[in-house]
Amino acid sequence: MKLRHALAAAALCAAPLAVTPARATAQSVTEHVATGDKEHLTNPAAALKHYEAALAASPRDYAALWKASVAAVDAGEADQDAGRRKELYKQGETYARTAVEVNPRDAEGHFALARALGRTAQTLGSRDRVKYASEVRNQALEALKLNPRHAGALHVMGVWNAEVMRLNGMSRFMAKNFLGGQVFGSASWKNATQYMEQAVQAEPNRLIHRIDLAEIYADVGDKAKAREQVDFILKAPVTEVNDARHKRQAEELSRRVK
């Protein structure tokens, strides 16, 4: 300890503005994460680069890991190339798994993993998609156990229930009884509606929650409530990279719920 302090003192005397390498690395990680946070809503691909720069300096930094996962999935959603989109979703899954390993007692890592798994599942065939279903649900529920008001996890559970209910009866039966998808029996339109309504309550200005809630209302035949969500979306400003797509979805849905 004395030697370390002596070296630090010598460095300060020789160059008053210098910092130790450990301090410089910490600052670099913090700065990259902060810059990624600023970029994320409008340019998730750029944000991902900053989070990855932070991870290059500190590979097990929890905040950089779960934020890199979320940014990768957001960038994938905005990417028109199917191959690149699949690759980004897989990257998101990898970052999130490490985040959960680093800090299993925080909701963000579990949410990021549930979301990345859900997006990866959408790129697979029905048999493989069923295999992902249980883990998506488990990770989202774990996030909600740690933070019951987590809007993202509420959203994942709303979509999970809705997607299961959108399967035709035979597909649901096959998944439940022959493909290991027993958890499918817990899905319902009531759950889908309640989870998504809670997501909207938690983050009322995020269009992604409202468009999926509108779709659920339309599926259960509540056109009036679907129109309320559609009207909100069409009047709302674009603040996130995928909001323009959500507005196009709302325009299409408006014709179904007239």
C-alpha atoms as a PDB file:
ATOM      1  CA  MET A   1       0.000   0.000   0.000  1.00  0.00           C
ATOM      2  CA  LYS A   2       2.848   2.394   0.840  1.00  0.00           C
ATOM      3  CA  LEU A   3       4.499   1.779  -2.536  1.00  0.00           C
ATOM      4  CA  ARG A   4       1.234   2.415  -4.373  1.00  0.00           C
ATOM      5  CA  HIS A   5       0.657   5.668  -2.526  1.00  0.00           C
ATOM      6  CA  ALA A   6       4.229   6.766  -3.167  1.00  0.00           C
ATOM      7  CA  LEU A   7       3.885   6.123  -6.899  1.00  0.00           C
ATOM      8  CA  ALA A   8       0.595   7.989  -7.001  1.00  0.00           C
ATOM      9  CA  ALA A   9       2.128  10.953  -5.175  1.00  0.00           C
ATOM     10  CA  ALA A  10       5.095  10.998  -7.536  1.00  0.00           C
ATOM     11  CA  ALA A  11       2.819  10.999 -10.537  1.00  0.00           C
ATOM     12  CA  LEU A  12       0.796  13.888  -9.163  1.00  0.00           C
ATOM     13  CA  CYS A  13       3.917  15.903  -8.467  1.00  0.00           C
ATOM     14  CA  ALA A  14       5.316  15.283 -11.935  1.00  0.00           C
ATOM     15  CA  ALA A  15       2.050  16.037 -13.772  1.00  0.00           C
ATOM     16  CA  PRO A  16      -0.738  17.681 -11.714  1.00  0.00           C
ATOM     17  CA  LEU A  17      -3.439  16.892 -14.300  1.00  0.00           C
ATOM     18  CA  ALA A  18      -2.593  13.219 -14.708  1.00  0.00           C
ATOM     19  CA  VAL A  19      -4.809  10.402 -13.372  1.00  0.00           C
ATOM     20  CA  THR A  20      -4.061   6.764 -12.685  1.00  0.00           C
ATOM     21  CA  PRO A  21      -4.907   4.216 -15.446  1.00  0.00           C
ATOM     22  CA  ALA A  22      -7.693   2.735 -13.290  1.00  0.00           C
ATOM     23  CA  ARG A  23      -9.275   6.156 -12.890  1.00  0.00           C
ATOM     24  CA  ALA A  24      -9.004   6.874 -16.598  1.00  0.00           C
ATOM     25  CA  THR A  25     -10.686   3.564 -17.416  1.00  0.00           C
ATOM     26  CA  ALA A  26     -13.525   4.259 -14.978  1.00  0.00           C
ATOM     27  CA  GLN A  27     -14.087   7.675 -16.501  1.00  0.00           C
ATOM     28  CA  SER A  28     -14.060   6.205 -19.998  1.00  0.00           C
ATOM     29  CA  VAL A  29     -16.691   3.610 -19.094  1.00  0.00           C
ATOM     30  CA  THR A  30     -18.913   6.197 -17.414  1.00  0.00           C
ATOM     31  CA  GLU A  31     -18.587   8.627 -20.303  1.00  0.00           C
ATOM     32  CA  HIS A  32     -19.347   6.008 -22.956  1.00  0.00           C
ATOM     33  CA  VAL A  33     -22.423   4.796 -21.086  1.00  0.00           C
ATOM     34  CA  ALA A  34     -23.638   8.376 -20.620  1.00  0.00           C
ATOM     35  CA  THR A  35     -23.148   9.129 -24.325  1.00  0.00           C
ATOM     36  CA  GLY A  36     -24.941   5.922 -25.235  1.00  0.00           C
ATOM     37  CA  ASP A  37     -27.860   6.972 -23.044  1.00  0.00           C
ATOM     38  CA  LYS A  38     -28.108  10.275 -24.938  1.00  0.00           C
ATOM     39  CA  GLU A  39     -28.071   8.529 -28.326  1.00  0.00           C
ATOM     40  CA  HIS A  40     -30.341   5.616 -27.507  1.00  0.00           C
ATOM     41  CA  LEU A  41     -33.824   6.955 -28.179  1.00  0.00           C
ATOM     42  CA  THR A  42     -33.036   8.311 -31.639  1.00  0.00           C
ATOM     43  CA  ASN A  43     -30.026   6.245 -32.760  1.00  0.00           C
ATOM     44  CA  PRO A  44     -29.726   2.888 -30.960  1.00  0.00           C
ATOM     45  CA  ALA A  45     -27.021   1.667 -33.367  1.00  0.00           C
ATOM     46  CA  ALA A  46     -24.798   4.583 -32.340  1.00  0.00           C
ATOM     47  CA  ALA A  47     -25.671   4.016 -28.687  1.00  0.00           C
ATOM     48  CA  LEU A  48     -24.668   0.363 -29.037  1.00  0.00           C
ATOM     49  CA  LYS A  49     -21.203   1.387 -30.208  1.00  0.00           C
ATOM     50  CA  HIS A  50     -20.728   3.475 -27.062  1.00  0.00           C
ATOM     51  CA  TYR A  51     -21.935   0.701 -24.771  1.00  0.00           C
ATOM     52  CA  GLU A  52     -19.599  -1.711 -26.541  1.00  0.00           C
ATOM     53  CA  ALA A  53     -16.724   0.738 -26.091  1.00  0.00           C
ATOM     54  CA  ALA A  54     -17.516   0.784 -22.382  1.00  0.00           C
ATOM     55  CA  LEU A  55     -17.507  -3.012 -22.338  1.00  0.00           C
ATOM     56  CA  ALA A  56     -14.166  -3.113 -24.137  1.00  0.00           C
ATOM     57  CA  ALA A  57     -12.727  -1.284 -21.130  1.00  0.00           C
ATOM     58  CA  SER A  58     -14.832  -3.094 -18.504  1.00  0.00           C
ATOM     59  CA  PRO A  59     -16.369  -6.328 -19.907  1.00  0.00           C
ATOM     60  CA  ARG A  60     -18.566  -7.017 -16.864  1.00  0.00           C
ATOM     61  CA  ASP A  61     -19.951  -3.546 -16.301  1.00  0.00           C
ATOM     62  CA  TYR A  62     -23.604  -4.286 -15.505  1.00  0.00           C
ATOM     63  CA  ALA A  63     -25.131  -1.045 -16.803  1.00  0.00           C
ATOM     64  CA  ALA A  64     -23.208  -1.249 -20.072  1.00  0.00           C
ATOM     65  CA  LEU A  65     -24.251  -4.891 -20.525  1.00  0.00           C
ATOM     66  CA  TRP A  66     -28.004  -4.533 -20.104  1.00  0.00           C
ATOM     67  CA  LYS A  67     -28.079  -1.252 -21.992  1.00  0.00           C
ATOM     68  CA  ALA A  68     -26.075  -2.802 -24.847  1.00  0.00           C
ATOM     69  CA  SER A  69     -28.672  -5.585 -24.979  1.00  0.00           C
ATOM     70  CA  VAL A  70     -31.591  -3.147 -25.181  1.00  0.00           C
ATOM     71  CA  ALA A  71     -29.803  -1.021 -27.796  1.00  0.00           C
ATOM     72  CA  ALA A  72     -28.952  -4.072 -29.907  1.00  0.00           C
ATOM     73  CA  VAL A  73     -32.588  -5.177 -29.962  1.00  0.00           C
ATOM     74  CA  ASP A  74     -33.783  -1.640 -30.747  1.00  0.00           C
ATOM     75  CA  ALA A  75     -31.238  -1.391 -33.560  1.00  0.00           C
ATOM     76  CA  GLY A  76     -32.401  -4.759 -34.858  1.00  0.00           C
ATOM     77  CA  GLU A  77     -36.027  -3.647 -34.910  1.00  0.00           C
ATOM     78  CA  ALA A  78     -35.047  -0.649 -37.026  1.00  0.00           C
ATOM     79  CA  ASP A  79     -32.804  -2.640 -39.412  1.00  0.00           C
ATOM     80  CA  GLN A  80     -34.349  -3.643 -42.745  1.00  0.00           C
ATOM     81  CA  ASP A  81     -31.863  -6.464 -43.365  1.00  0.00           C
ATOM     82  CA  ALA A  82     -33.213  -9.737 -41.954  1.00  0.00           C
ATOM     83  CA  GLY A  83     -29.773 -11.274 -41.456  1.00  0.00           C
ATOM     84  CA  ARG A  84     -28.417  -8.255 -39.659  1.00  0.00           C
ATOM     85  CA  ARG A  85     -31.586  -8.008 -37.585  1.00  0.00           C
ATOM     86  CA  LYS A  86     -31.221 -11.625 -36.430  1.00  0.00           C
ATOM     87  CA  GLU A  87     -27.562 -11.022 -35.577  1.00  0.00           C
ATOM     88  CA  LEU A  88     -28.419  -7.961 -33.476  1.00  0.00           C
ATOM     89  CA  TYR A  89     -31.107  -9.853 -31.573  1.00  0.00           C
ATOM     90  CA  LYS A  90     -28.591 -12.601 -30.819  1.00  0.00           C
ATOM     91  CA  GLN A  91     -26.080  -9.996 -29.636  1.00  0.00           C
ATOM     92  CA  GLY A  92     -28.752  -8.588 -27.373  1.00  0.00           C
ATOM     93  CA  GLU A  93     -29.355 -12.034 -25.919  1.00  0.00           C
ATOM     94  CA  THR A  94     -25.636 -12.546 -25.264  1.00  0.00           C
ATOM     95  CA  TYR A  95     -25.203  -9.198 -23.512  1.00  0.00           C
ATOM     96  CA  ALA A  96     -28.315  -9.767 -21.403  1.00  0.00           C
ATOM     97  CA  ARG A  97     -27.253 -13.240 -20.293  1.00  0.00           C
ATOM     98  CA  THR A  98     -23.974 -11.817 -19.057  1.00  0.00           C
ATOM     99  CA  ALA A  99     -25.807  -8.970 -17.319  1.00  0.00           C
ATOM    100  CA  VAL A 100     -28.001 -11.449 -15.426  1.00  0.00           C
ATOM    101  CA  GLU A 101     -24.913 -13.426 -14.493  1.00  0.00           C
ATOM    102  CA  VAL A 102     -23.208 -10.284 -13.182  1.00  0.00           C
ATOM    103  CA  ASN A 103     -26.232  -9.030 -11.229  1.00  0.00           C
ATOM    104  CA  PRO A 104     -29.138 -11.465 -10.914  1.00  0.00           C
ATOM    105  CA  ARG A 105     -30.897  -9.281  -8.318  1.00  0.00           C
ATOM    106  CA  ASP A 106     -31.773  -6.373 -10.597  1.00  0.00           C
ATOM    107  CA  ALA A 107     -34.779  -6.214 -12.912  1.00  0.00           C
ATOM    108  CA  GLU A 108     -33.086  -4.600 -15.921  1.00  0.00           C
ATOM    109  CA  GLY A 109     -30.956  -7.585 -16.872  1.00  0.00           C
ATOM    110  CA  HIS A 110     -33.885 -10.003 -16.668  1.00  0.00           C
ATOM    111  CA  PHE A 111     -36.067  -7.652 -18.728  1.00  0.00           C
ATOM    112  CA  ALA A 112     -33.344  -7.234 -21.364  1.00  0.00           C
ATOM    113  CA  LEU A 113     -32.960 -11.004 -21.619  1.00  0.00           C
ATOM    114  CA  ALA A 114     -36.718 -11.604 -21.885  1.00  0.00           C
ATOM    115  CA  ARG A 115     -36.987  -9.005 -24.638  1.00  0.00           C
ATOM    116  CA  ALA A 116     -33.979 -10.254 -26.603  1.00  0.00           C
ATOM    117  CA  LEU A 117     -35.191 -13.858 -26.374  1.00  0.00           C
ATOM    118  CA  GLY A 118     -38.626 -12.797 -27.548  1.00  0.00           C
ATOM    119  CA  ARG A 119     -37.214 -11.046 -30.597  1.00  0.00           C
ATOM    120  CA  THR A 120     -34.909 -13.961 -31.394  1.00  0.00           C
ATOM    121  CA  ALA A 121     -37.861 -16.329 -31.139  1.00  0.00           C
ATOM    122  CA  GLN A 122     -39.709 -14.322 -33.784  1.00  0.00           C
ATOM    123  CA  THR A 123     -36.977 -15.214 -36.296  1.00  0.00           C
ATOM    124  CA  LEU A 124     -37.399 -18.983 -35.713  1.00  0.00           C
ATOM    125  CA  GLY A 125     -39.823 -21.670 -36.758  1.00  0.00           C
ATOM    126  CA  SER A 126     -42.788 -22.557 -34.575  1.00  0.00           C
ATOM    127  CA  ARG A 127     -41.145 -25.568 -32.903  1.00  0.00           C
ATOM    128  CA  ASP A 128     -38.055 -23.592 -31.866  1.00  0.00           C
ATOM    129  CA  ARG A 129     -40.192 -20.619 -30.905  1.00  0.00           C
ATOM    130  CA  VAL A 130     -42.035 -22.727 -28.339  1.00  0.00           C
ATOM    131  CA  LYS A 131     -38.711 -23.621 -26.716  1.00  0.00           C
ATOM    132  CA  TYR A 132     -38.056 -19.924 -26.114  1.00  0.00           C
ATOM    133  CA  ALA A 133     -41.527 -19.214 -24.740  1.00  0.00           C
ATOM    134  CA  SER A 134     -40.932 -20.525 -21.225  1.00  0.00           C
ATOM    135  CA  GLU A 135     -37.685 -18.616 -20.735  1.00  0.00           C
ATOM    136  CA  VAL A 136     -39.163 -15.375 -22.070  1.00  0.00           C
ATOM    137  CA  ARG A 137     -41.984 -15.668 -19.557  1.00  0.00           C
ATOM    138  CA  ASN A 138     -39.694 -16.689 -16.695  1.00  0.00           C
ATOM    139  CA  GLN A 139     -37.278 -13.805 -17.255  1.00  0.00           C
ATOM    140  CA  ALA A 140     -40.087 -11.244 -17.526  1.00  0.00           C
ATOM    141  CA  LEU A 141     -41.729 -12.533 -14.346  1.00  0.00           C
ATOM    142  CA  GLU A 142     -38.384 -12.425 -12.537  1.00  0.00           C
ATOM    143  CA  ALA A 143     -37.996  -8.782 -13.565  1.00  0.00           C
ATOM    144  CA  LEU A 144     -41.489  -8.045 -12.239  1.00  0.00           C
ATOM    145  CA  LYS A 145     -40.725  -9.822  -8.978  1.00  0.00           C
ATOM    146  CA  LEU A 146     -37.785  -7.447  -8.522  1.00  0.00           C
ATOM    147  CA  ASN A 147     -39.670  -4.397  -9.836  1.00  0.00           C
ATOM    148  CA  PRO A 148     -43.462  -4.844 -10.139  1.00  0.00           C
ATOM    149  CA  ARG A 149     -43.818  -1.555 -12.038  1.00  0.00           C
ATOM    150  CA  HIS A 150     -41.204  -2.282 -14.691  1.00  0.00           C
ATOM    151  CA  ALA A 151     -42.910  -1.084 -17.866  1.00  0.00           C
ATOM    152  CA  GLY A 152     -40.744  -3.134 -20.199  1.00  0.00           C
ATOM    153  CA  ALA A 153     -41.363  -6.385 -18.344  1.00  0.00           C
ATOM    154  CA  LEU A 154     -45.087  -5.638 -18.162  1.00  0.00           C
ATOM    155  CA  HIS A 155     -45.019  -5.092 -21.922  1.00  0.00           C
ATOM    156  CA  VAL A 156     -43.215  -8.386 -22.530  1.00  0.00           C
ATOM    157  CA  MET A 157     -45.829 -10.246 -20.491  1.00  0.00           C
ATOM    158  CA  GLY A 158     -48.651  -8.506 -22.324  1.00  0.00           C
ATOM    159  CA  VAL A 159     -47.210  -9.474 -25.699  1.00  0.00           C
ATOM    160  CA  TRP A 160     -46.419 -12.998 -24.488  1.00  0.00           C
ATOM    161  CA  ASN A 161     -50.023 -13.630 -23.498  1.00  0.00           C
ATOM    162  CA  ALA A 162     -51.334 -12.059 -26.697  1.00  0.00           C
ATOM    163  CA  GLU A 163     -49.037 -14.063 -28.972  1.00  0.00           C
ATOM    164  CA  VAL A 164     -50.028 -17.326 -27.329  1.00  0.00           C
ATOM    165  CA  MET A 165     -53.712 -16.462 -27.641  1.00  0.00           C
ATOM    166  CA  ARG A 166     -53.246 -15.562 -31.317  1.00  0.00           C
ATOM    167  CA  LEU A 167     -52.223 -19.123 -32.060  1.00  0.00           C
ATOM    168  CA  ASN A 168     -55.069 -21.183 -33.431  1.00  0.00           C
ATOM    169  CA  GLY A 169     -56.494 -23.823 -31.130  1.00  0.00           C
ATOM    170  CA  MET A 170     -54.651 -26.733 -32.744  1.00  0.00           C
ATOM    171  CA  SER A 171     -51.278 -24.956 -32.671  1.00  0.00           C
ATOM    172  CA  ARG A 172     -51.760 -24.092 -29.018  1.00  0.00           C
ATOM    173  CA  PHE A 173     -52.761 -27.676 -28.234  1.00  0.00           C
ATOM    174  CA  MET A 174     -49.718 -29.076 -30.046  1.00  0.00           C
ATOM    175  CA  ALA A 175     -47.360 -26.634 -28.356  1.00  0.00           C
ATOM    176  CA  LYS A 176     -48.795 -27.320 -24.919  1.00  0.00           C
ATOM    177  CA  ASN A 177     -48.958 -31.095 -25.147  1.00  0.00           C
ATOM    178  CA  PHE A 178     -46.173 -32.153 -27.503  1.00  0.00           C
ATOM    179  CA  LEU A 179     -43.574 -29.386 -27.749  1.00  0.00           C
ATOM    180  CA  GLY A 180     -42.941 -28.664 -24.093  1.00  0.00           C
ATOM    181  CA  GLY A 181     -45.024 -25.491 -23.963  1.00  0.00           C
ATOM    182  CA  GLN A 182     -47.095 -26.312 -20.886  1.00  0.00           C
ATOM    183  CA  VAL A 183     -46.871 -22.675 -19.727  1.00  0.00           C
ATOM    184  CA  PHE A 184     -49.070 -21.795 -22.695  1.00  0.00           C
ATOM    185  CA  GLY A 185     -51.998 -22.919 -20.556  1.00  0.00           C
ATOM    186  CA  SER A 186     -51.508 -19.851 -18.340  1.00  0.00           C
ATOM    187  CA  ALA A 187     -52.070 -17.389 -21.201  1.00  0.00           C
ATOM    188  CA  SER A 188     -55.293 -15.415 -21.579  1.00  0.00           C
ATOM    189  CA  TRP A 189     -56.614 -12.299 -23.259  1.00  0.00           C
ATOM    190  CA  LYS A 190     -57.417 -10.934 -19.801  1.00  0.00           C
ATOM    191  CA  ASN A 191     -53.765 -11.218 -18.801  1.00  0.00           C
ATOM    192  CA  ALA A 192     -52.631  -9.712 -22.096  1.00  0.00           C
ATOM    193  CA  THR A 193     -54.905  -6.713 -21.583  1.00  0.00           C
ATOM    194  CA  GLN A 194     -54.035  -6.139 -17.932  1.00  0.00           C
ATOM    195  CA  TYR A 195     -50.270  -6.365 -18.402  1.00  0.00           C
ATOM    196  CA  MET A 196     -50.301  -4.009 -21.377  1.00  0.00           C
ATOM    197  CA  GLU A 197     -52.607  -1.515 -19.672  1.00  0.00           C
ATOM    198  CA  GLN A 198     -50.169  -1.425 -16.762  1.00  0.00           C
ATOM    199  CA  ALA A 199     -47.277  -0.824 -19.167  1.00  0.00           C
ATOM    200  CA  VAL A 200     -49.136   2.175 -20.618  1.00  0.00           C
ATOM    201  CA  GLN A 201     -49.872   3.476 -17.118  1.00  0.00           C
ATOM    202  CA  ALA A 202     -46.189   3.204 -16.203  1.00  0.00           C
ATOM    203  CA  GLU A 203     -44.953   4.923 -19.393  1.00  0.00           C
ATOM    204  CA  PRO A 204     -47.934   6.705 -20.963  1.00  0.00           C
ATOM    205  CA  ASN A 205     -45.970   8.549 -23.648  1.00  0.00           C
ATOM    206  CA  ARG A 206     -44.197   5.552 -25.162  1.00  0.00           C
ATOM    207  CA  LEU A 207     -45.935   4.613 -28.400  1.00  0.00           C
ATOM    208  CA  ILE A 208     -44.672   1.037 -28.393  1.00  0.00           C
ATOM    209  CA  HIS A 209     -46.882   0.252 -25.382  1.00  0.00           C
ATOM    210  CA  ARG A 210     -49.913   1.921 -26.899  1.00  0.00           C
ATOM    211  CA  ILE A 211     -49.720   0.255 -30.323  1.00  0.00           C
ATOM    212  CA  ASP A 212     -49.519  -3.214 -28.788  1.00  0.00           C
ATOM    213  CA  LEU A 213     -52.388  -2.368 -26.430  1.00  0.00           C
ATOM    214  CA  ALA A 214     -54.421  -1.146 -29.408  1.00  0.00           C
ATOM    215  CA  GLU A 215     -53.741  -4.438 -31.219  1.00  0.00           C
ATOM    216  CA  ILE A 216     -54.900  -6.411 -28.180  1.00  0.00           C
ATOM    217  CA  TYR A 217     -58.074  -4.350 -27.875  1.00  0.00           C
ATOM    218  CA  ALA A 218     -58.746  -4.965 -31.571  1.00  0.00           C
ATOM    219  CA  ASP A 219     -58.197  -8.701 -31.143  1.00  0.00           C
ATOM    220  CA  VAL A 220     -60.690  -8.924 -28.283  1.00  0.00           C
ATOM    221  CA  GLY A 221     -63.250  -6.876 -30.214  1.00  0.00           C
ATOM    222  CA  ASP A 222     -63.088  -3.640 -28.193  1.00  0.00           C
ATOM    223  CA  LYS A 223     -62.893  -1.261 -31.152  1.00  0.00           C
ATOM    224  CA  ALA A 224     -63.661   1.857 -29.099  1.00  0.00           C
ATOM    225  CA  LYS A 225     -60.666   1.374 -26.833  1.00  0.00           C
ATOM    226  CA  ALA A 226     -58.488   0.429 -29.798  1.00  0.00           C
ATOM    227  CA  ARG A 227     -59.453   3.706 -31.507  1.00  0.00           C
ATOM    228  CA  GLU A 228     -58.516   5.675 -28.372  1.00  0.00           C
ATOM    229  CA  GLN A 229     -55.006   4.252 -28.520  1.00  0.00           C
ATOM    230  CA  VAL A 230     -54.739   4.758 -32.275  1.00  0.00           C
ATOM    231  CA  ASP A 231     -55.839   8.398 -31.989  1.00  0.00           C
ATOM    232  CA  PHE A 232     -53.247   9.040 -29.272  1.00  0.00           C
ATOM    233  CA  ILE A 233     -50.479   7.485 -31.378  1.00  0.00           C
ATOM    234  CA  LEU A 234     -51.361   9.418 -34.529  1.00  0.00           C
ATOM    235  CA  LYS A 235     -51.333  12.755 -32.650  1.00  0.00           C
ATOM    236  CA  ALA A 236     -48.219  12.065 -30.597  1.00  0.00           C
ATOM    237  CA  PRO A 237     -44.775  13.427 -31.554  1.00  0.00           C
ATOM    238  CA  VAL A 238     -42.037  11.121 -32.808  1.00  0.00           C
ATOM    239  CA  THR A 239     -39.456  10.818 -30.026  1.00  0.00           C
ATOM    240  CA  GLU A 240     -37.942   7.345 -30.574  1.00  0.00           C
ATOM    241  CA  VAL A 241     -36.371   5.698 -33.597  1.00  0.00           C
ATOM    242  CA  ASN A 242     -39.226   3.204 -34.066  1.00  0.00           C
ATOM    243  CA  ASP A 243     -42.087   5.678 -33.477  1.00  0.00           C
ATOM    244  CA  ALA A 244     -42.579   6.307 -37.196  1.00  0.00           C
ATOM    245  CA  ARG A 245     -43.182   2.589 -37.650  1.00  0.00           C
ATOM    246  CA  HIS A 246     -45.633   2.576 -34.750  1.00  0.00           C
ATOM    247  CA  LYS A 247     -47.529   5.414 -36.420  1.00  0.00           C
ATOM    248  CA  ARG A 248     -47.742   3.429 -39.659  1.00  0.00           C
ATOM    249  CA  GLN A 249     -49.053   0.463 -37.676  1.00  0.00           C
ATOM    250  CA  ALA A 250     -51.649   2.741 -36.079  1.00  0.00           C
ATOM    251  CA  GLU A 251     -52.778   3.995 -39.483  1.00  0.00           C
ATOM    252  CA  GLU A 252     -53.249   0.418 -40.684  1.00  0.00           C
ATOM    253  CA  LEU A 253     -55.071  -0.549 -37.506  1.00  0.00           C
ATOM    254  CA  SER A 254     -57.379   2.472 -37.737  1.00  0.00           C
ATOM    255  CA  ARG A 255     -58.941   0.947 -40.827  1.00  0.00           C
ATOM    256  CA  ARG A 256     -59.705  -2.261 -38.917  1.00  0.00           C
ATOM    257  CA  VAL A 257     -61.389  -0.553 -35.974  1.00  0.00           C
ATOM    258  CA  LYS A 258     -63.524   2.073 -37.720  1.00  0.00           C
END
